[in-house]
Protein backbone atom coordinates (compact mmCIF):
# COMPACT_ATOMS: atom_id res chain seq x y z
CA UNK A 1 100.36 55.56 141.21
CA UNK A 2 98.50 57.06 144.05
CA UNK A 3 99.07 60.86 145.00
CA UNK A 4 99.74 62.36 148.51
CA UNK A 5 99.90 65.77 150.05
CA UNK A 6 101.68 66.33 153.00
CA UNK A 7 102.69 69.31 155.07
CA UNK A 8 106.17 69.96 155.13
CA UNK A 9 107.48 72.61 157.57
CA UNK A 10 108.43 75.87 156.01
CA UNK A 11 112.37 75.92 157.51
CA UNK A 12 112.48 72.41 155.44
CA UNK A 13 110.68 73.73 152.55
CA UNK A 14 113.38 76.41 152.33
CA UNK A 15 116.26 73.76 152.21
CA UNK A 16 114.09 71.99 149.69
CA UNK A 17 113.79 75.37 147.48
CA UNK A 18 117.43 75.89 147.83
CA UNK A 19 118.38 72.14 146.71
CA UNK A 20 115.85 72.41 143.72
CA UNK A 21 117.35 76.06 142.76
CA UNK A 22 121.01 74.91 142.64
CA UNK A 23 120.14 72.09 140.82
CA UNK A 24 121.35 69.67 143.17
CA UNK A 25 117.76 67.87 143.03
CA UNK A 26 115.89 67.66 140.02
CA UNK A 27 112.41 67.79 141.48
CA UNK A 28 110.26 67.60 144.81
CA UNK A 29 109.27 64.05 143.15
CA UNK A 30 112.61 63.08 142.66
CA UNK A 31 113.90 63.85 146.10
CA UNK A 32 111.23 62.28 147.77
CA UNK A 33 111.71 58.96 145.84
CA UNK A 34 115.40 59.25 146.46
CA UNK A 35 114.54 59.55 150.21
CA UNK A 36 112.03 57.06 150.29
CA UNK A 37 114.82 54.72 148.31
CA UNK A 38 117.32 55.46 151.03
CA UNK A 39 114.75 54.67 153.89
CA UNK A 40 114.17 51.31 152.46
CA UNK A 41 117.91 50.54 151.31
CA UNK A 42 119.20 51.19 154.83
CA UNK A 43 116.33 49.74 156.77
CA UNK A 44 115.70 53.07 158.50
CA UNK A 45 112.53 51.83 160.19
CA UNK A 46 114.58 49.73 162.15
CA UNK A 47 116.61 51.97 163.31
CA UNK A 48 116.09 53.36 167.19
CA UNK A 49 117.35 56.28 168.59
CA UNK A 50 120.80 56.33 167.56
CA UNK A 51 121.59 52.43 166.64
CA UNK A 52 121.54 52.42 163.11
CA UNK A 53 121.29 49.00 161.74
CA UNK A 54 121.68 48.08 157.53
CA UNK A 55 122.27 45.21 155.64
CA UNK A 56 122.05 43.56 158.68
CA UNK A 57 124.58 44.87 160.57
CA UNK A 58 124.96 47.77 163.32
CA UNK A 59 126.71 50.75 162.08
CA UNK A 60 128.32 53.89 163.70
CA UNK A 61 129.55 57.47 161.94
CA UNK A 62 133.01 57.38 162.58
CA UNK A 63 135.22 59.78 160.91
CA UNK A 64 138.40 58.67 158.81
CA UNK A 65 140.53 60.64 160.60
CA UNK A 66 139.51 58.81 163.75
CA UNK A 67 140.09 55.29 161.98
CA UNK A 68 143.67 56.68 161.09
CA UNK A 69 144.26 57.53 165.08
CA UNK A 70 142.92 54.22 165.67
CA UNK A 71 145.01 52.29 163.72
CA UNK A 72 148.67 54.35 162.88
CA UNK A 73 150.58 52.52 165.03
CA UNK A 74 149.47 48.64 163.44
CA UNK A 75 152.21 47.58 161.12
CA UNK A 76 151.02 47.34 157.44
CA UNK A 77 151.13 43.18 157.76
CA UNK A 78 148.79 43.53 160.97
CA UNK A 79 146.79 46.05 158.73
CA UNK A 80 146.21 43.50 155.93
CA UNK A 81 145.29 40.76 158.67
CA UNK A 82 142.71 42.87 160.21
CA UNK A 83 141.41 44.01 157.05
CA UNK A 84 140.97 40.06 156.34
CA UNK A 85 139.05 39.32 159.62
CA UNK A 86 137.00 42.44 159.00
CA UNK A 87 135.99 41.07 155.37
CA UNK A 88 133.54 38.96 156.85
CA UNK A 89 131.13 41.51 158.29
CA UNK A 90 131.01 42.11 153.94
CA UNK A 91 130.15 38.96 153.43
CA UNK A 92 127.57 38.70 156.12
CA UNK A 93 126.14 42.07 154.63
CA UNK A 94 125.89 40.47 151.15
CA UNK A 95 123.97 37.89 152.69
CA UNK A 96 121.60 40.09 154.63
CA UNK A 97 120.56 42.09 151.54
CA UNK A 98 120.49 39.67 148.89
CA UNK A 99 120.34 36.54 150.57
CA UNK A 100 123.68 34.45 149.33
CA UNK A 101 127.41 34.57 149.20
CA UNK A 102 130.07 37.11 147.30
CA UNK A 103 130.66 34.86 144.22
CA UNK A 104 132.06 36.60 140.97
CA UNK A 105 128.81 37.23 139.39
CA UNK A 106 127.81 39.00 142.34
CA UNK A 107 130.62 41.44 142.29
CA UNK A 108 129.10 44.52 141.41
CA UNK A 109 126.31 44.14 143.67
CA UNK A 110 128.48 43.33 146.36
CA UNK A 111 130.46 46.85 145.27
CA UNK A 112 127.35 48.34 146.00
CA UNK A 113 126.79 47.82 149.38
CA UNK A 114 130.31 49.31 150.04
CA UNK A 115 129.48 52.38 147.85
CA UNK A 116 126.62 52.93 149.71
CA UNK A 117 128.21 53.00 153.31
CA UNK A 118 131.05 55.68 152.07
CA UNK A 119 133.54 53.42 151.48
CA UNK A 120 134.73 54.84 147.97
CA UNK A 121 134.02 53.98 144.51
CA UNK A 122 134.87 50.45 142.99
CA UNK A 123 135.26 49.99 139.19
CA UNK A 124 136.40 46.34 138.00
CA UNK A 125 137.78 46.31 134.63
CA UNK A 126 139.18 42.57 133.39
CA UNK A 127 141.58 41.48 136.01
CA UNK A 128 141.99 45.12 137.57
CA UNK A 129 139.75 46.51 140.26
CA UNK A 130 140.24 50.34 141.14
CA UNK A 131 138.79 51.78 144.21
CA UNK A 132 138.96 55.79 144.30
CA UNK A 133 138.98 57.69 147.37
CA UNK A 134 138.71 54.66 150.10
CA UNK A 135 137.80 55.13 152.85
CA UNK A 136 140.05 52.44 154.96
CA UNK A 137 143.59 52.55 154.64
CA UNK A 138 144.69 50.50 151.60
CA UNK A 139 146.23 47.71 153.55
CA UNK A 140 143.15 47.13 155.25
CA UNK A 141 141.28 47.37 152.40
CA UNK A 142 143.33 44.75 150.51
CA UNK A 143 142.76 42.07 153.21
CA UNK A 144 138.78 43.12 153.25
CA UNK A 145 138.53 42.58 149.39
CA UNK A 146 140.74 39.25 149.42
CA UNK A 147 138.00 37.81 152.20
CA UNK A 148 134.96 39.19 150.54
CA UNK A 149 135.74 38.43 147.13
CA UNK A 150 137.57 34.87 148.12
CA UNK A 151 140.69 35.77 145.89
CA UNK A 152 144.24 36.57 145.89
CA UNK A 153 144.57 40.09 145.21
CA UNK A 154 148.56 42.06 144.39
CA UNK A 155 148.46 45.66 145.36
CA UNK A 156 149.47 48.23 142.89
CA UNK A 157 151.67 51.18 144.78
CA UNK A 158 149.43 54.23 144.22
CA UNK A 159 148.79 57.44 146.60
CA UNK A 160 146.03 57.33 149.68
CA UNK A 161 143.29 58.58 147.01
CA UNK A 162 143.29 55.51 145.06
CA UNK A 163 143.87 51.58 145.69
CA UNK A 164 144.42 49.44 142.64
CA UNK A 165 144.64 45.80 142.75
CA UNK A 166 145.08 43.09 140.14
CA UNK A 167 143.48 39.64 140.75
CA UNK A 168 146.13 37.19 140.53
CA UNK A 169 143.97 34.24 141.95
CA UNK A 170 140.42 33.28 141.91
CA UNK A 171 139.91 30.16 143.80
């Protein structure tokens, strides 16, 4: 592996040192490797000023609170249908990143796309899908997952901080 030397501004180095001292990163090598992996995964070379593309789709940073304000007047059934329409973008992102549809054998890599963009943590156990700390309201997430995974889900009533879905149909 080639060795490279770079000049890092003192202020940035102080930040890096604070990360190392606090244990948030193991080493400078690990930090730079993570940064380069992030750069590659999120196709940062295609970003232009304040326009961000990753997984073939344009993204913007949008707060969860703003999202909730935007949809607060929607009825639960409208949220489910909105989620189903939105789920098509997940299918597109999966095609862009992995070159194919979201089939059962690819669910874990499809969940990784959602995790990478901060939509929560996805855990599949048998016929139960658990979403911890979901970004989207549960009704929208429900529709989103049904469309993307091409399945029927039954929602288990929980708090806003966790979504639990039973897989009841797999076409």
